[in-house]
Amino acid sequence: MAAEKPTLENIISLADFEAQAESCMSAMAFAYVAGGAADELTMRANCEDWKRILLAPRILVDVSEISLRTEVLGQQLEMPIMLAPAAFHRLCCPDGEMATVAGANQAGGGLILSSFSTVAVEEVTASAKHPVWFQLYFQKDKPLTQEMVRRAEAAGCKALCITVDTPVLGARHRESRTQFALPADFKLPNLKLGPVSHRPVRSAVYSELLNPALSWKDIEWLCSMAKVPVLLKGVMNPQDALLAVKTGVSGIIVSNHGARNLDTLPSTAEALPRVAEKVNGKLAILVDGGIRRGTDVLKALALGAKAVLIGRPYLYALAFAGAAGVARMLELLSTELIMAMALTGRTAIDQIDRSVLWDTASHV
């Protein structure tokens, strides 16, 4: 007798969504979302390294009122958690990005919309009740890139996140084994393209949708013409973070692209404190990669991030229950964050610093 599918109320952790999502998706779609690069060592490290960081409890602090509200780049967020940019939401749910933004609305989360969204940016922002940022793959065609920026700004996007870690794709074996291809009826309206794949043809390295010639000069040009804050997504090396400070961007996102590009990179939990030390408060820092618990969010904030981005978990939730699944995912994570703050004696986001972490180097 087949096991009964759980209800949303029976989903009590982000891991539960992943466990249920595979049966709700095609094999190709699940491989696309779940897969990492090569042997997926970094993908596993992204999750495991947050778990290794210990928290320091505090007692007898009045935690009867706790607020998750925070400010990033002058924008008010209901919680320090945003939905990371991810392509092709219709692979997970027929309503695609419209279901995602509906779930974000319900739970109070911000959203970063992918260049490779299957819904136009104008439709998403028209429905959004919380900040929407636009993730940009800087195209080889510079006028097209400028047009995308102007469209996103006109639609009401509050920031631009430029993906800078993907001149080429990594060795994504799960995608290859399932022969990933976009369905013929999929369109990428933010690029004004038809069903064009991000993947190069067999044995090739370069993709027609990615720009391997992208350089710091291009970032300077974009910053000079953008009317909203610009962030670089995919900064792992502290030396690159220093260069970003000099370039005119407003923020950086510590990210290894969900471990989907280069395997054997450090985890983002490993990279974040090194980047934060170099930046020294001169830029806003966000982080993604392997964050699955409210305790992970707390640790990321303690290590210098202003907010975190969540990727795969909300796509699994989207596949499982559409907009309601996305809302439930954000609800679970924010509730766990409130619990973790209470048990470490913090009542507001700006109270979170390194003293939240257990000092393993010293003891009385």
Protein backbone atom coordinates (compact mmCIF):
# COMPACT_ATOMS: atom_id res chain seq x y z
CA MET A 1 0.00 0.00 0.00
CA ALA A 2 1.46 3.36 -1.05
CA ALA A 3 2.27 5.83 1.70
CA GLU A 4 -0.13 8.74 1.92
CA LYS A 5 1.29 12.07 0.75
CA PRO A 6 1.82 14.35 3.76
CA THR A 7 -0.06 17.61 4.09
CA LEU A 8 1.68 20.96 4.47
CA GLU A 9 1.00 20.82 8.20
CA ASN A 10 2.99 17.58 8.36
CA ILE A 11 5.99 19.30 6.77
CA ILE A 12 8.01 20.49 9.76
CA SER A 13 11.47 21.18 8.29
CA LEU A 14 13.03 22.23 5.00
CA ALA A 15 14.44 18.73 4.61
CA ASP A 16 10.88 17.38 4.50
CA PHE A 17 10.22 19.37 1.33
CA GLU A 18 13.26 17.87 -0.39
CA ALA A 19 12.18 14.38 0.63
CA GLN A 20 8.76 14.89 -0.97
CA ALA A 21 9.70 16.94 -4.03
CA GLU A 22 11.17 14.20 -6.21
CA SER A 23 7.82 12.46 -6.58
CA CYS A 24 6.24 15.77 -7.61
CA MET A 25 8.72 16.57 -10.40
CA SER A 26 9.93 15.03 -13.63
CA ALA A 27 13.27 13.24 -13.39
CA MET A 28 14.83 15.94 -15.56
CA ALA A 29 13.46 18.79 -13.44
CA PHE A 30 14.53 17.20 -10.16
CA ALA A 31 18.04 16.55 -11.50
CA TYR A 32 18.27 20.18 -12.60
CA VAL A 33 17.29 21.54 -9.18
CA ALA A 34 19.01 18.99 -6.97
CA GLY A 35 22.28 18.53 -8.83
CA GLY A 36 25.65 20.13 -8.18
CA ALA A 37 28.95 20.11 -10.00
CA ALA A 38 31.06 17.00 -10.59
CA ASP A 39 31.29 14.87 -7.42
CA GLU A 40 29.14 17.35 -5.45
CA LEU A 41 31.71 17.66 -2.67
CA THR A 42 31.16 21.39 -2.28
CA MET A 43 27.39 20.95 -2.37
CA ARG A 44 27.58 18.65 0.63
CA ALA A 45 30.06 20.95 2.39
CA ASN A 46 27.70 23.90 1.95
CA CYS A 47 25.22 22.19 4.28
CA GLU A 48 27.63 20.41 6.60
CA ASP A 49 29.84 23.38 7.43
CA TRP A 50 26.99 25.46 8.86
CA LYS A 51 26.26 22.54 11.20
CA ARG A 52 29.83 22.54 12.55
CA ILE A 53 29.58 26.12 13.83
CA LEU A 54 28.43 26.18 17.46
CA LEU A 55 26.13 28.70 19.12
CA ALA A 56 26.49 30.26 22.56
CA PRO A 57 23.25 30.18 24.62
CA ARG A 58 22.26 33.00 26.95
CA ILE A 59 19.82 32.80 29.86
CA LEU A 60 17.56 35.15 31.79
CA VAL A 61 17.16 37.62 28.98
CA ASP A 62 13.70 39.06 28.30
CA VAL A 63 12.90 37.60 24.88
CA SER A 64 9.12 38.00 25.09
CA GLU A 65 9.17 40.16 21.95
CA ILE A 66 11.39 39.38 18.97
CA SER A 67 11.53 41.22 15.66
CA LEU A 68 12.98 39.89 12.41
CA ARG A 69 12.66 43.22 10.60
CA THR A 70 15.88 44.49 9.11
CA GLU A 71 17.25 46.96 6.59
CA VAL A 72 19.40 46.05 3.61
CA LEU A 73 20.62 48.72 1.19
CA GLY A 74 18.11 51.13 2.68
CA GLN A 75 15.23 48.73 2.05
CA GLN A 76 13.00 47.39 4.79
CA LEU A 77 12.67 43.59 4.90
CA GLU A 78 10.25 41.68 7.11
CA MET A 79 12.96 39.09 7.71
CA PRO A 80 16.66 38.71 6.79
CA ILE A 81 15.72 35.94 4.35
CA MET A 82 15.17 36.33 0.60
CA LEU A 83 14.42 33.84 -2.14
CA ALA A 84 17.52 33.38 -4.29
CA PRO A 85 17.39 33.76 -8.07
CA ALA A 86 16.65 30.46 -9.78
CA ALA A 87 15.79 29.80 -13.40
CA PHE A 88 12.77 28.12 -14.95
CA HIS A 89 10.28 27.91 -12.05
CA ARG A 90 7.75 26.33 -14.39
CA LEU A 91 9.84 23.16 -14.17
CA CYS A 92 8.58 22.95 -10.58
CA CYS A 93 5.05 24.35 -10.87
CA PRO A 94 2.79 25.27 -13.82
CA ASP A 95 2.30 28.79 -12.45
CA GLY A 96 6.06 29.27 -12.24
CA GLU A 97 7.34 32.51 -10.76
CA MET A 98 3.81 33.80 -10.16
CA ALA A 99 3.30 31.05 -7.59
CA THR A 100 6.69 31.86 -6.07
CA VAL A 101 5.90 35.54 -5.60
CA ALA A 102 2.44 34.67 -4.20
CA GLY A 103 4.10 32.48 -1.57
CA ALA A 104 6.65 35.18 -0.77
CA ASN A 105 3.81 37.70 -0.38
CA GLN A 106 2.00 35.44 2.05
CA ALA A 107 5.05 34.89 4.27
CA GLY A 108 6.64 38.34 4.00
CA GLY A 109 9.73 37.40 2.03
CA GLY A 110 11.67 39.28 -0.62
CA LEU A 111 12.45 37.73 -3.99
CA ILE A 112 15.36 37.95 -6.43
CA LEU A 113 14.01 37.22 -9.90
CA SER A 114 16.21 35.38 -12.38
CA SER A 115 17.05 36.65 -15.86
CA PHE A 116 15.92 33.16 -16.88
CA SER A 117 12.48 33.54 -15.31
CA THR A 118 9.63 32.00 -17.30
CA VAL A 119 7.46 35.01 -16.36
CA ALA A 120 8.19 38.62 -17.34
CA VAL A 121 9.65 40.86 -14.66
CA GLU A 122 6.76 43.30 -15.01
CA GLU A 123 4.21 40.62 -14.11
CA VAL A 124 6.14 39.53 -11.04
CA THR A 125 6.73 43.01 -9.64
CA ALA A 126 3.09 43.98 -10.26
CA SER A 127 2.06 41.16 -7.91
CA ALA A 128 4.79 41.59 -5.29
CA LYS A 129 4.09 43.04 -1.85
CA HIS A 130 7.74 42.93 -0.74
CA PRO A 131 11.01 43.97 -2.41
CA VAL A 132 11.88 42.31 -5.71
CA TRP A 133 15.47 42.44 -6.97
CA PHE A 134 16.55 41.40 -10.45
CA GLN A 135 19.35 38.93 -11.11
CA LEU A 136 21.21 39.76 -14.29
CA TYR A 137 23.31 37.57 -16.54
CA PHE A 138 25.32 40.23 -18.31
CA GLN A 139 24.86 39.42 -22.00
CA LYS A 140 27.46 39.61 -24.77
CA ASP A 141 25.06 42.06 -26.42
CA LYS A 142 25.61 45.20 -24.31
CA PRO A 143 22.53 47.08 -25.62
CA LEU A 144 20.41 44.05 -24.64
CA THR A 145 21.96 44.13 -21.17
CA GLN A 146 21.16 47.83 -20.85
CA GLU A 147 17.60 47.18 -22.02
CA MET A 148 17.20 44.46 -19.38
CA VAL A 149 18.45 46.83 -16.69
CA ARG A 150 16.07 49.59 -17.75
CA ARG A 151 13.15 47.13 -17.87
CA ALA A 152 13.90 45.85 -14.39
CA GLU A 153 14.19 49.38 -13.00
CA ALA A 154 11.00 50.52 -14.74
CA ALA A 155 9.19 47.47 -13.36
CA GLY A 156 10.11 48.50 -9.82
CA CYS A 157 13.01 46.17 -9.00
CA LYS A 158 14.89 47.62 -6.03
CA ALA A 159 18.37 46.25 -6.83
CA LEU A 160 20.37 44.42 -9.49
CA CYS A 161 22.28 41.25 -8.64
CA ILE A 162 24.92 40.57 -11.28
CA THR A 163 25.99 36.93 -11.43
CA VAL A 164 29.78 37.05 -11.78
CA ASP A 165 30.80 33.44 -11.10
CA THR A 166 29.51 31.79 -14.28
CA PRO A 167 31.57 32.56 -17.40
CA VAL A 168 30.95 28.89 -18.16
CA LEU A 169 28.87 26.18 -16.51
CA GLY A 170 30.42 23.46 -14.41
CA ALA A 171 30.33 19.73 -15.02
CA ARG A 172 26.70 19.14 -14.09
CA HIS A 173 26.47 15.39 -14.43
CA ARG A 174 22.91 14.99 -13.19
CA GLU A 175 21.70 17.41 -15.88
CA SER A 176 23.71 15.56 -18.52
CA ARG A 177 22.42 12.14 -17.51
CA THR A 178 18.80 13.28 -17.80
CA GLN A 179 19.53 15.11 -21.09
CA PHE A 180 18.25 18.42 -19.82
CA ALA A 181 16.27 20.44 -22.35
CA LEU A 182 13.68 23.14 -21.87
CA PRO A 183 10.16 22.21 -23.00
CA ALA A 184 9.32 23.75 -26.36
CA ASP A 185 6.60 25.98 -24.89
CA PHE A 186 8.95 27.64 -22.39
CA LYS A 187 9.92 31.22 -23.09
CA LEU A 188 12.39 33.51 -21.36
CA PRO A 189 10.53 36.83 -21.60
CA ASN A 190 13.18 38.87 -19.78
CA LEU A 191 15.61 37.97 -22.56
CA LYS A 192 13.03 38.07 -25.35
CA LEU A 193 14.18 34.64 -26.42
CA GLY A 194 12.40 31.40 -27.21
CA PRO A 195 13.28 27.99 -25.76
CA VAL A 196 17.06 28.55 -25.67
CA SER A 197 19.00 26.34 -23.29
CA HIS A 198 21.64 27.59 -20.88
CA ARG A 199 23.59 24.42 -21.60
CA PRO A 200 26.22 24.32 -24.35
CA VAL A 201 26.07 21.64 -27.01
CA ARG A 202 27.80 18.36 -26.29
CA SER A 203 31.55 18.62 -25.57
CA ALA A 204 31.45 22.42 -25.82
CA VAL A 205 32.28 24.69 -22.90
CA TYR A 206 30.69 28.02 -23.75
CA SER A 207 26.96 28.78 -23.62
CA GLU A 208 25.15 31.27 -25.83
CA LEU A 209 23.41 32.71 -22.76
CA LEU A 210 26.58 33.36 -20.74
CA ASN A 211 29.34 35.91 -21.25
CA PRO A 212 32.87 34.52 -20.74
CA ALA A 213 34.43 37.94 -21.52
CA LEU A 214 32.77 39.71 -18.57
CA SER A 215 35.29 41.85 -16.66
CA TRP A 216 35.57 44.49 -13.94
CA LYS A 217 35.30 47.22 -16.61
CA ASP A 218 31.83 45.91 -17.51
CA ILE A 219 30.80 46.12 -13.85
CA GLU A 220 32.05 49.71 -13.65
CA TRP A 221 30.01 50.56 -16.77
CA LEU A 222 26.90 48.96 -15.32
CA CYS A 223 27.29 50.76 -11.99
CA SER A 224 27.65 54.06 -13.85
CA MET A 225 24.31 53.70 -15.60
CA ALA A 226 22.22 51.78 -13.06
CA LYS A 227 19.66 53.75 -11.05
CA VAL A 228 19.34 51.16 -8.27
CA PRO A 229 21.97 49.47 -6.07
CA VAL A 230 24.17 46.87 -7.77
CA LEU A 231 25.36 43.70 -6.03
CA LEU A 232 27.82 41.10 -7.29
CA LYS A 233 26.57 37.54 -6.80
CA GLY A 234 29.23 34.87 -6.63
CA VAL A 235 32.05 36.43 -4.61
CA MET A 236 34.09 33.82 -2.71
CA ASN A 237 37.68 35.03 -2.84
CA PRO A 238 38.48 37.81 -0.32
CA GLN A 239 40.74 39.46 -2.91
CA ASP A 240 37.75 39.79 -5.27
CA ALA A 241 35.77 41.28 -2.41
CA LEU A 242 38.43 43.97 -2.04
CA LEU A 243 38.23 44.75 -5.76
CA ALA A 244 34.43 44.98 -5.46
CA VAL A 245 34.81 47.68 -2.80
CA LYS A 246 36.75 49.79 -5.31
CA THR A 247 34.34 49.23 -8.19
CA GLY A 248 31.29 51.11 -6.99
CA VAL A 249 28.93 48.24 -6.21
CA SER A 250 26.68 48.49 -3.18
CA GLY A 251 26.94 44.90 -2.03
CA ILE A 252 28.20 41.39 -2.63
CA ILE A 253 26.65 37.97 -2.27
CA VAL A 254 28.99 35.29 -0.99
CA SER A 255 27.95 32.35 -3.14
CA ASN A 256 29.43 29.37 -4.95
CA HIS A 257 26.33 29.16 -7.17
CA GLY A 258 24.81 26.44 -5.04
CA ALA A 259 27.96 24.40 -5.75
CA ARG A 260 26.72 24.00 -9.33
CA ASN A 261 29.82 25.30 -11.12
CA LEU A 262 33.24 24.46 -9.68
CA ASP A 263 33.51 21.51 -7.32
CA THR A 264 36.03 21.45 -4.44
CA LEU A 265 35.49 25.13 -3.71
CA PRO A 266 35.16 25.98 -0.01
CA SER A 267 31.67 26.21 1.40
CA THR A 268 30.09 29.62 1.80
CA ALA A 269 30.17 29.15 5.58
CA GLU A 270 33.96 28.87 5.24
CA ALA A 271 34.30 31.84 2.87
CA LEU A 272 31.90 34.30 4.56
CA PRO A 273 34.03 35.32 7.58
CA ARG A 274 37.12 35.79 5.40
CA VAL A 275 35.22 37.99 2.97
CA ALA A 276 33.59 39.95 5.81
CA GLU A 277 37.00 40.62 7.36
CA LYS A 278 38.34 42.08 4.10
CA VAL A 279 35.24 44.16 3.37
CA ASN A 280 35.20 45.50 6.93
CA GLY A 281 31.72 46.99 6.67
CA LYS A 282 32.32 48.93 3.44
CA LEU A 283 29.72 46.92 1.51
CA ALA A 284 26.54 45.05 2.35
CA ILE A 285 27.20 41.30 2.41
CA LEU A 286 24.60 38.59 1.79
CA VAL A 287 25.22 34.86 1.59
CA ASP A 288 23.62 31.71 0.17
CA GLY A 289 24.51 28.04 -0.02
CA GLY A 290 23.36 25.17 2.17
CA ILE A 291 21.25 27.20 4.60
CA ARG A 292 18.55 24.83 5.82
CA ARG A 293 17.83 25.83 9.42
CA GLY A 294 17.05 28.95 11.38
CA THR A 295 20.27 28.31 13.29
CA ASP A 296 22.13 28.52 9.96
CA VAL A 297 20.58 31.93 9.32
CA LEU A 298 21.62 33.11 12.78
CA LYS A 299 25.20 31.92 12.21
CA ALA A 300 25.38 33.66 8.83
CA LEU A 301 24.25 36.95 10.37
CA ALA A 302 26.75 36.52 13.19
CA LEU A 303 29.56 36.04 10.64
CA GLY A 304 28.81 39.30 8.87
CA ALA A 305 25.90 38.79 6.47
CA LYS A 306 23.03 41.29 6.39
CA ALA A 307 20.66 38.65 5.02
CA VAL A 308 20.65 35.17 3.52
CA LEU A 309 19.29 33.78 0.27
CA ILE A 310 17.48 30.44 0.08
CA GLY A 311 17.54 28.46 -3.18
CA ARG A 312 16.75 24.75 -3.54
CA PRO A 313 14.41 24.51 -0.51
CA TYR A 314 11.85 26.92 -1.94
CA LEU A 315 11.96 25.18 -5.33
CA TYR A 316 11.22 21.87 -3.60
CA ALA A 317 8.41 23.58 -1.69
CA LEU A 318 7.11 25.09 -4.93
CA ALA A 319 7.02 21.64 -6.53
CA PHE A 320 5.27 20.11 -3.53
CA ALA A 321 2.54 22.69 -2.93
CA GLY A 322 2.94 25.75 -5.16
CA ALA A 323 2.54 29.15 -3.51
CA ALA A 324 1.41 27.60 -0.24
CA GLY A 325 4.58 25.50 -0.16
CA VAL A 326 6.81 28.54 -0.61
CA ALA A 327 4.98 30.35 2.17
CA ARG A 328 5.30 27.33 4.46
CA MET A 329 9.03 27.07 3.76
CA LEU A 330 9.59 30.71 4.72
CA GLU A 331 7.35 30.29 7.78
CA LEU A 332 9.35 27.31 9.02
CA LEU A 333 12.70 29.00 8.53
CA SER A 334 11.67 32.30 10.11
CA THR A 335 10.08 30.50 13.08
CA GLU A 336 13.29 28.54 13.65
CA LEU A 337 15.25 31.81 13.48
CA ILE A 338 13.02 33.36 16.15
CA MET A 339 13.55 30.30 18.36
CA ALA A 340 17.34 30.47 17.87
CA MET A 341 17.38 34.19 18.67
CA ALA A 342 15.36 33.66 21.84
CA LEU A 343 17.69 30.90 23.03
CA THR A 344 20.77 33.03 22.40
CA GLY A 345 19.28 36.10 24.06
CA ARG A 346 18.67 38.27 20.99
CA THR A 347 15.47 40.18 20.32
CA ALA A 348 16.42 42.10 17.17
CA ILE A 349 18.53 41.45 14.09
CA ASP A 350 20.96 44.26 14.85
CA GLN A 351 21.86 42.54 18.14
CA ILE A 352 23.34 39.58 16.32
CA ASP A 353 27.14 39.57 16.18
CA ARG A 354 29.99 37.13 16.69
CA SER A 355 29.25 36.85 20.40
CA VAL A 356 26.34 34.62 19.37
CA LEU A 357 28.93 32.00 18.38
CA TRP A 358 30.60 29.65 20.84
CA ASP A 359 34.28 30.52 21.18
CA THR A 360 35.99 27.16 20.76
CA ALA A 361 39.46 28.68 21.12
CA SER A 362 39.15 29.89 24.71
CA HIS A 363 37.88 28.40 27.93
CA VAL A 364 37.92 29.39 31.57
